[in-house]
């Protein structure tokens, strides 16, 4: 389950980390620029873009997850028979 959470959240997390790293460098080189005003819309744009780019991969991941889930449910129901 933990690995699955990393696979789902990984692309957006990495993209947002790199965006924040870049904004931190910009804030150090241009102290007169208000990075918070630029950063929030940029983070939203990068996060949505990362999810949209990773969506085809996530569809396959969710398909595999659902198939596994149905097999597990079937196993649990079979195990509950007396």
PDB file of N, CA and C in Angstrom:
ATOM      1  N   UNK A   1       0.815  -1.185   0.000  1.00  0.00           N
ATOM      2  CA  UNK A   1       0.000   0.000   0.000  1.00  0.00           C
ATOM      3  C   UNK A   1       0.867   1.262   0.000  1.00  0.00           C
ATOM      4  N   UNK A   2       1.957   1.198   0.776  1.00  0.00           N
ATOM      5  CA  UNK A   2       2.847   2.343   0.877  1.00  0.00           C
ATOM      6  C   UNK A   2       3.521   2.628  -0.463  1.00  0.00           C
ATOM      7  N   UNK A   3       3.949   1.580  -1.146  1.00  0.00           N
ATOM      8  CA  UNK A   3       4.596   1.732  -2.451  1.00  0.00           C
ATOM      9  C   UNK A   3       3.598   2.269  -3.464  1.00  0.00           C
ATOM     10  N   UNK A   4       2.369   1.808  -3.377  1.00  0.00           N
ATOM     11  CA  UNK A   4       1.329   2.278  -4.284  1.00  0.00           C
ATOM     12  C   UNK A   4       1.076   3.774  -4.097  1.00  0.00           C
ATOM     13  N   UNK A   5       1.080   4.239  -2.864  1.00  0.00           N
ATOM     14  CA  UNK A   5       0.899   5.664  -2.599  1.00  0.00           C
ATOM     15  C   UNK A   5       2.033   6.479  -3.210  1.00  0.00           C
ATOM     16  N   UNK A   6       3.253   5.964  -3.155  1.00  0.00           N
ATOM     17  CA  UNK A   6       4.371   6.657  -3.785  1.00  0.00           C
ATOM     18  C   UNK A   6       4.222   6.696  -5.301  1.00  0.00           C
ATOM     19  N   UNK A   7       3.732   5.617  -5.881  1.00  0.00           N
ATOM     20  CA  UNK A   7       3.549   5.589  -7.334  1.00  0.00           C
ATOM     21  C   UNK A   7       2.491   6.590  -7.783  1.00  0.00           C
ATOM     22  N   UNK A   8       1.452   6.761  -6.977  1.00  0.00           N
ATOM     23  CA  UNK A   8       0.382   7.684  -7.347  1.00  0.00           C
ATOM     24  C   UNK A   8       0.821   9.137  -7.137  1.00  0.00           C
ATOM     25  N   UNK A   9       1.424   9.433  -6.005  1.00  0.00           N
ATOM     26  CA  UNK A   9       1.768  10.810  -5.663  1.00  0.00           C
ATOM     27  C   UNK A   9       3.135  11.241  -6.175  1.00  0.00           C
ATOM     28  N   UNK A  10       3.933  10.309  -6.666  1.00  0.00           N
ATOM     29  CA  UNK A  10       5.303  10.611  -7.059  1.00  0.00           C
ATOM     30  C   UNK A  10       5.481  11.691  -8.108  1.00  0.00           C
ATOM     31  N   UNK A  11       4.800  11.604  -9.252  1.00  0.00           N
ATOM     32  CA  UNK A  11       5.039  12.609 -10.299  1.00  0.00           C
ATOM     33  C   UNK A  11       4.729  14.039  -9.856  1.00  0.00           C
ATOM     34  N   UNK A  12       3.596  14.239  -9.210  1.00  0.00           N
ATOM     35  CA  UNK A  12       3.236  15.587  -8.770  1.00  0.00           C
ATOM     36  C   UNK A  12       4.174  16.064  -7.667  1.00  0.00           C
ATOM     37  N   UNK A  13       4.564  15.175  -6.774  1.00  0.00           N
ATOM     38  CA  UNK A  13       5.449  15.554  -5.673  1.00  0.00           C
ATOM     39  C   UNK A  13       6.818  15.980  -6.187  1.00  0.00           C
ATOM     40  N   UNK A  14       7.356  15.230  -7.121  1.00  0.00           N
ATOM     41  CA  UNK A  14       8.667  15.573  -7.684  1.00  0.00           C
ATOM     42  C   UNK A  14       8.598  16.888  -8.451  1.00  0.00           C
ATOM     43  N   UNK A  15       7.535  17.070  -9.244  1.00  0.00           N
ATOM     44  CA  UNK A  15       7.391  18.309 -10.012  1.00  0.00           C
ATOM     45  C   UNK A  15       7.257  19.513  -9.085  1.00  0.00           C
ATOM     46  N   UNK A  16       6.477  19.382  -8.027  1.00  0.00           N
ATOM     47  CA  UNK A  16       6.306  20.501  -7.097  1.00  0.00           C
ATOM     48  C   UNK A  16       7.573  20.766  -6.290  1.00  0.00           C
ATOM     49  N   UNK A  17       8.322  19.720  -5.964  1.00  0.00           N
ATOM     50  CA  UNK A  17       9.591  19.920  -5.263  1.00  0.00           C
ATOM     51  C   UNK A  17      10.568  20.702  -6.138  1.00  0.00           C
ATOM     52  N   UNK A  18      10.665  20.317  -7.414  1.00  0.00           N
ATOM     53  CA  UNK A  18      11.569  21.035  -8.320  1.00  0.00           C
ATOM     54  C   UNK A  18      11.115  22.475  -8.536  1.00  0.00           C
ATOM     55  N   UNK A  19       9.811  22.700  -8.588  1.00  0.00           N
ATOM     56  CA  UNK A  19       9.293  24.061  -8.734  1.00  0.00           C
ATOM     57  C   UNK A  19       9.650  24.904  -7.518  1.00  0.00           C
ATOM     58  N   UNK A  20       9.464  24.353  -6.329  1.00  0.00           N
ATOM     59  CA  UNK A  20       9.798  25.098  -5.114  1.00  0.00           C
ATOM     60  C   UNK A  20      11.296  25.329  -4.984  1.00  0.00           C
ATOM     61  N   UNK A  21      12.091  24.370  -5.427  1.00  0.00           N
ATOM     62  CA  UNK A  21      13.542  24.554  -5.424  1.00  0.00           C
ATOM     63  C   UNK A  21      13.939  25.702  -6.354  1.00  0.00           C
ATOM     64  N   UNK A  22      13.339  25.731  -7.529  1.00  0.00           N
ATOM     65  CA  UNK A  22      13.614  26.806  -8.483  1.00  0.00           C
ATOM     66  C   UNK A  22      13.154  28.155  -7.939  1.00  0.00           C
ATOM     67  N   UNK A  23      11.979  28.186  -7.332  1.00  0.00           N
ATOM     68  CA  UNK A  23      11.494  29.443  -6.754  1.00  0.00           C
ATOM     69  C   UNK A  23      12.387  29.905  -5.608  1.00  0.00           C
ATOM     70  N   UNK A  24      12.949  28.982  -4.858  1.00  0.00           N
ATOM     71  CA  UNK A  24      13.884  29.349  -3.801  1.00  0.00           C
ATOM     72  C   UNK A  24      15.149  29.985  -4.355  1.00  0.00           C
ATOM     73  N   UNK A  25      15.642  29.431  -5.456  1.00  0.00           N
ATOM     74  CA  UNK A  25      16.821  30.027  -6.098  1.00  0.00           C
ATOM     75  C   UNK A  25      16.505  31.404  -6.668  1.00  0.00           C
ATOM     76  N   UNK A  26      15.324  31.547  -7.249  1.00  0.00           N
ATOM     77  CA  UNK A  26      14.914  32.852  -7.788  1.00  0.00           C
ATOM     78  C   UNK A  26      14.779  33.864  -6.660  1.00  0.00           C
ATOM     79  N   UNK A  27      14.243  33.450  -5.532  1.00  0.00           N
ATOM     80  CA  UNK A  27      14.080  34.357  -4.394  1.00  0.00           C
ATOM     81  C   UNK A  27      15.428  34.821  -3.856  1.00  0.00           C
ATOM     82  N   UNK A  28      16.440  33.945  -3.929  1.00  0.00           N
ATOM     83  CA  UNK A  28      17.772  34.340  -3.454  1.00  0.00           C
ATOM     84  C   UNK A  28      18.464  35.282  -4.438  1.00  0.00           C
ATOM     85  N   UNK A  29      18.230  35.078  -5.728  1.00  0.00           N
ATOM     86  CA  UNK A  29      18.913  35.921  -6.712  1.00  0.00           C
ATOM     87  C   UNK A  29      18.177  37.232  -6.965  1.00  0.00           C
ATOM     88  N   UNK A  30      16.865  37.240  -6.807  1.00  0.00           N
ATOM     89  CA  UNK A  30      16.071  38.454  -7.010  1.00  0.00           C
ATOM     90  C   UNK A  30      15.276  38.767  -5.741  1.00  0.00           C
ATOM     91  N   UNK A  31      15.911  39.346  -4.738  1.00  0.00           N
ATOM     92  CA  UNK A  31      15.206  39.567  -3.471  1.00  0.00           C
ATOM     93  C   UNK A  31      14.057  40.570  -3.581  1.00  0.00           C
ATOM     94  N   UNK A  32      14.070  41.434  -4.590  1.00  0.00           N
ATOM     95  CA  UNK A  32      13.000  42.415  -4.722  1.00  0.00           C
ATOM     96  C   UNK A  32      11.730  41.815  -5.338  1.00  0.00           C
ATOM     97  N   UNK A  33      11.830  40.582  -5.869  1.00  0.00           N
ATOM     98  CA  UNK A  33      10.661  39.933  -6.468  1.00  0.00           C
ATOM     99  C   UNK A  33       9.877  39.195  -5.383  1.00  0.00           C
ATOM    100  N   UNK A  34       8.557  39.366  -5.392  1.00  0.00           N
ATOM    101  CA  UNK A  34       7.713  38.678  -4.424  1.00  0.00           C
ATOM    102  C   UNK A  34       7.402  37.278  -4.952  1.00  0.00           C
ATOM    103  N   UNK A  35       8.133  36.303  -4.447  1.00  0.00           N
ATOM    104  CA  UNK A  35       8.030  34.935  -4.948  1.00  0.00           C
ATOM    105  C   UNK A  35       6.705  34.298  -4.540  1.00  0.00           C
ATOM    106  N   UNK A  36       6.125  34.727  -3.429  1.00  0.00           N
ATOM    107  CA  UNK A  36       4.862  34.132  -2.987  1.00  0.00           C
ATOM    108  C   UNK A  36       3.728  34.428  -3.965  1.00  0.00           C
ATOM    109  N   UNK A  37       3.738  35.617  -4.543  1.00  0.00           N
ATOM    110  CA  UNK A  37       2.695  35.981  -5.511  1.00  0.00           C
ATOM    111  C   UNK A  37       2.830  35.137  -6.770  1.00  0.00           C
ATOM    112  N   UNK A  38       4.045  34.881  -7.203  1.00  0.00           N
ATOM    113  CA  UNK A  38       4.285  34.085  -8.407  1.00  0.00           C
ATOM    114  C   UNK A  38       4.189  32.592  -8.092  1.00  0.00           C
ATOM    115  N   UNK A  39       4.607  32.204  -6.903  1.00  0.00           N
ATOM    116  CA  UNK A  39       4.738  30.791  -6.561  1.00  0.00           C
ATOM    117  C   UNK A  39       3.439  30.031  -6.465  1.00  0.00           C
ATOM    118  N   UNK A  40       2.414  30.626  -5.888  1.00  0.00           N
ATOM    119  CA  UNK A  40       1.162  29.897  -5.697  1.00  0.00           C
ATOM    120  C   UNK A  40       0.501  29.519  -7.023  1.00  0.00           C
ATOM    121  N   UNK A  41       0.302  30.463  -7.956  1.00  0.00           N
ATOM    122  CA  UNK A  41      -0.285  30.038  -9.238  1.00  0.00           C
ATOM    123  C   UNK A  41       0.624  29.092 -10.019  1.00  0.00           C
ATOM    124  N   UNK A  42       1.929  29.283  -9.882  1.00  0.00           N
ATOM    125  CA  UNK A  42       2.863  28.400 -10.582  1.00  0.00           C
ATOM    126  C   UNK A  42       2.794  26.981 -10.021  1.00  0.00           C
ATOM    127  N   UNK A  43       2.696  26.844  -8.707  1.00  0.00           N
ATOM    128  CA  UNK A  43       2.560  25.517  -8.097  1.00  0.00           C
ATOM    129  C   UNK A  43       1.267  24.834  -8.529  1.00  0.00           C
ATOM    130  N   UNK A  44       0.188  25.588  -8.606  1.00  0.00           N
ATOM    131  CA  UNK A  44      -1.081  25.019  -9.062  1.00  0.00           C
ATOM    132  C   UNK A  44      -0.955  24.540 -10.499  1.00  0.00           C
ATOM    133  N   UNK A  45      -0.372  25.365 -11.356  1.00  0.00           N
ATOM    134  CA  UNK A  45      -0.205  25.008 -12.768  1.00  0.00           C
ATOM    135  C   UNK A  45       0.694  23.787 -12.932  1.00  0.00           C
ATOM    136  N   UNK A  46       1.798  23.751 -12.226  1.00  0.00           N
ATOM    137  CA  UNK A  46       2.728  22.624 -12.332  1.00  0.00           C
ATOM    138  C   UNK A  46       2.105  21.349 -11.769  1.00  0.00           C
ATOM    139  N   UNK A  47       1.390  21.447 -10.664  1.00  0.00           N
ATOM    140  CA  UNK A  47       0.753  20.271 -10.077  1.00  0.00           C
ATOM    141  C   UNK A  47      -0.300  19.664 -10.990  1.00  0.00           C
ATOM    142  N   UNK A  48      -1.160  20.503 -11.553  1.00  0.00           N
ATOM    143  CA  UNK A  48      -2.191  20.003 -12.471  1.00  0.00           C
ATOM    144  C   UNK A  48      -1.555  19.440 -13.731  1.00  0.00           C
ATOM    145  N   UNK A  49      -0.523  20.099 -14.239  1.00  0.00           N
ATOM    146  CA  UNK A  49       0.162  19.599 -15.438  1.00  0.00           C
ATOM    147  C   UNK A  49       0.824  18.250 -15.180  1.00  0.00           C
ATOM    148  N   UNK A  50       1.439  18.090 -14.026  1.00  0.00           N
ATOM    149  CA  UNK A  50       2.086  16.815 -13.701  1.00  0.00           C
ATOM    150  C   UNK A  50       1.065  15.692 -13.608  1.00  0.00           C
ATOM    151  N   UNK A  51      -0.089  15.978 -13.027  1.00  0.00           N
ATOM    152  CA  UNK A  51      -1.135  14.955 -12.935  1.00  0.00           C
ATOM    153  C   UNK A  51      -1.662  14.610 -14.325  1.00  0.00           C
ATOM    154  N   UNK A  52      -1.856  15.613 -15.173  1.00  0.00           N
ATOM    155  CA  UNK A  52      -2.350  15.349 -16.528  1.00  0.00           C
ATOM    156  C   UNK A  52      -1.339  14.563 -17.357  1.00  0.00           C
ATOM    157  N   UNK A  53      -0.066  14.852 -17.198  1.00  0.00           N
ATOM    158  CA  UNK A  53       0.962  14.120 -17.941  1.00  0.00           C
ATOM    159  C   UNK A  53       1.059  12.679 -17.441  1.00  0.00           C
ATOM    160  N   UNK A  54       0.908  12.478 -16.136  1.00  0.00           N
ATOM    161  CA  UNK A  54       1.025  11.137 -15.558  1.00  0.00           C
ATOM    162  C   UNK A  54      -0.273  10.343 -15.630  1.00  0.00           C
ATOM    163  N   UNK A  55      -1.340  10.935 -16.124  1.00  0.00           N
ATOM    164  CA  UNK A  55      -2.644  10.270 -16.131  1.00  0.00           C
ATOM    165  C   UNK A  55      -2.669   8.955 -16.899  1.00  0.00           C
ATOM    166  N   UNK A  56      -2.061   8.835 -18.086  1.00  0.00           N
ATOM    167  CA  UNK A  56      -2.081   7.526 -18.762  1.00  0.00           C
ATOM    168  C   UNK A  56      -1.412   6.418 -17.948  1.00  0.00           C
ATOM    169  N   UNK A  57      -0.356   6.749 -17.254  1.00  0.00           N
ATOM    170  CA  UNK A  57       0.318   5.756 -16.414  1.00  0.00           C
ATOM    171  C   UNK A  57      -0.560   5.410 -15.217  1.00  0.00           C
ATOM    172  N   UNK A  58      -1.213   6.419 -14.645  1.00  0.00           N
ATOM    173  CA  UNK A  58      -2.068   6.183 -13.485  1.00  0.00           C
ATOM    174  C   UNK A  58      -3.296   5.357 -13.842  1.00  0.00           C
ATOM    175  N   UNK A  59      -3.798   5.487 -15.067  1.00  0.00           N
ATOM    176  CA  UNK A  59      -4.949   4.682 -15.485  1.00  0.00           C
ATOM    177  C   UNK A  59      -4.577   3.204 -15.464  1.00  0.00           C
ATOM    178  N   UNK A  60      -3.411   2.860 -15.992  1.00  0.00           N
ATOM    179  CA  UNK A  60      -2.954   1.466 -15.949  1.00  0.00           C
ATOM    180  C   UNK A  60      -2.741   0.995 -14.511  1.00  0.00           C
ATOM    181  N   UNK A  61      -2.214   1.862 -13.684  1.00  0.00           N
ATOM    182  CA  UNK A  61      -1.985   1.519 -12.284  1.00  0.00           C
ATOM    183  C   UNK A  61      -3.304   1.259 -11.562  1.00  0.00           C
ATOM    184  N   UNK A  62      -4.291   2.121 -11.787  1.00  0.00           N
ATOM    185  CA  UNK A  62      -5.597   1.930 -11.148  1.00  0.00           C
ATOM    186  C   UNK A  62      -6.303   0.693 -11.673  1.00  0.00           C
ATOM    187  N   UNK A  63      -6.131   0.391 -12.951  1.00  0.00           N
ATOM    188  CA  UNK A  63      -6.732  -0.817 -13.510  1.00  0.00           C
ATOM    189  C   UNK A  63      -6.162  -2.060 -12.831  1.00  0.00           C
ATOM    190  N   UNK A  64      -4.863  -2.096 -12.689  1.00  0.00           N
ATOM    191  CA  UNK A  64      -4.217  -3.211 -11.995  1.00  0.00           C
ATOM    192  C   UNK A  64      -4.663  -3.276 -10.536  1.00  0.00           C
ATOM    193  N   UNK A  65      -4.758  -2.123  -9.902  1.00  0.00           N
ATOM    194  CA  UNK A  65      -5.178  -2.068  -8.503  1.00  0.00           C
ATOM    195  C   UNK A  65      -6.601  -2.593  -8.330  1.00  0.00           C
ATOM    196  N   UNK A  66      -7.506  -2.213  -9.217  1.00  0.00           N
ATOM    197  CA  UNK A  66      -8.889  -2.678  -9.110  1.00  0.00           C
ATOM    198  C   UNK A  66      -8.998  -4.178  -9.346  1.00  0.00           C
ATOM    199  N   UNK A  67      -8.244  -4.690 -10.312  1.00  0.00           N
ATOM    200  CA  UNK A  67      -8.259  -6.137 -10.537  1.00  0.00           C
ATOM    201  C   UNK A  67      -7.759  -6.889  -9.307  1.00  0.00           C
ATOM    202  N   UNK A  68      -6.704  -6.402  -8.715  1.00  0.00           N
ATOM    203  CA  UNK A  68      -6.167  -7.022  -7.504  1.00  0.00           C
ATOM    204  C   UNK A  68      -7.165  -6.924  -6.353  1.00  0.00           C
ATOM    205  N   UNK A  69      -7.846  -5.774  -6.269  1.00  0.00           N
ATOM    206  CA  UNK A  69      -8.818  -5.587  -5.200  1.00  0.00           C
ATOM    207  C   UNK A  69      -9.959  -6.592  -5.313  1.00  0.00           C
ATOM    208  N   UNK A  70     -10.463  -6.821  -6.531  1.00  0.00           N
ATOM    209  CA  UNK A  70     -11.562  -7.782  -6.703  1.00  0.00           C
ATOM    210  C   UNK A  70     -11.112  -9.200  -6.365  1.00  0.00           C
ATOM    211  N   UNK A  71      -9.883  -9.538  -6.717  1.00  0.00           N
ATOM    212  CA  UNK A  71      -9.359 -10.855  -6.349  1.00  0.00           C
ATOM    213  C   UNK A  71      -9.263 -10.998  -4.830  1.00  0.00           C
ATOM    214  N   UNK A  72      -8.824  -9.939  -4.155  1.00  0.00           N
ATOM    215  CA  UNK A  72      -8.726  -9.982  -2.693  1.00  0.00           C
ATOM    216  C   UNK A  72     -10.102 -10.084  -2.042  1.00  0.00           C
ATOM    217  N   UNK A  73     -11.072  -9.355  -2.572  1.00  0.00           N
ATOM    218  CA  UNK A  73     -12.433  -9.430  -2.028  1.00  0.00           C
ATOM    219  C   UNK A  73     -12.996 -10.835  -2.222  1.00  0.00           C
ATOM    220  N   UNK A  74     -12.769 -11.407  -3.391  1.00  0.00           N
ATOM    221  CA  UNK A  74     -13.246 -12.767  -3.647  1.00  0.00           C
ATOM    222  C   UNK A  74     -12.584 -13.756  -2.686  1.00  0.00           C
ATOM    223  N   UNK A  75     -11.298 -13.586  -2.436  1.00  0.00           N
ATOM    224  CA  UNK A  75     -10.583 -14.451  -1.496  1.00  0.00           C
ATOM    225  C   UNK A  75     -11.140 -14.309  -0.080  1.00  0.00           C
ATOM    226  N   UNK A  76     -11.425 -13.082   0.334  1.00  0.00           N
ATOM    227  CA  UNK A  76     -11.964 -12.856   1.680  1.00  0.00           C
ATOM    228  C   UNK A  76     -13.340 -13.495   1.822  1.00  0.00           C
ATOM    229  N   UNK A  77     -14.181 -13.330   0.807  1.00  0.00           N
ATOM    230  CA  UNK A  77     -15.524 -13.921   0.865  1.00  0.00           C
ATOM    231  C   UNK A  77     -15.436 -15.442   0.895  1.00  0.00           C
ATOM    232  N   UNK A  78     -14.533 -16.017   0.092  1.00  0.00           N
ATOM    233  CA  UNK A  78     -14.346 -17.471   0.117  1.00  0.00           C
ATOM    234  C   UNK A  78     -13.835 -17.937   1.470  1.00  0.00           C
ATOM    235  N   UNK A  79     -12.992 -17.151   2.101  1.00  0.00           N
ATOM    236  CA  UNK A  79     -12.433 -17.523   3.406  1.00  0.00           C
ATOM    237  C   UNK A  79     -13.476 -17.468   4.510  1.00  0.00           C
ATOM    238  N   UNK A  80     -14.518 -16.678   4.331  1.00  0.00           N
ATOM    239  CA  UNK A  80     -15.534 -16.519   5.367  1.00  0.00           C
ATOM    240  C   UNK A  80     -16.562 -17.646   5.352  1.00  0.00           C
ATOM    241  N   UNK A  81     -16.525 -18.496   4.324  1.00  0.00           N
ATOM    242  CA  UNK A  81     -17.471 -19.614   4.283  1.00  0.00           C
ATOM    243  C   UNK A  81     -17.195 -20.565   5.434  1.00  0.00           C
ATOM    244  N   UNK A  82     -18.244 -21.074   5.975  1.00  0.00           N
ATOM    245  CA  UNK A  82     -18.098 -22.001   7.106  1.00  0.00           C
ATOM    246  C   UNK A  82     -18.262 -23.416   6.645  1.00  0.00           C
TER     247      UNK A  82
END
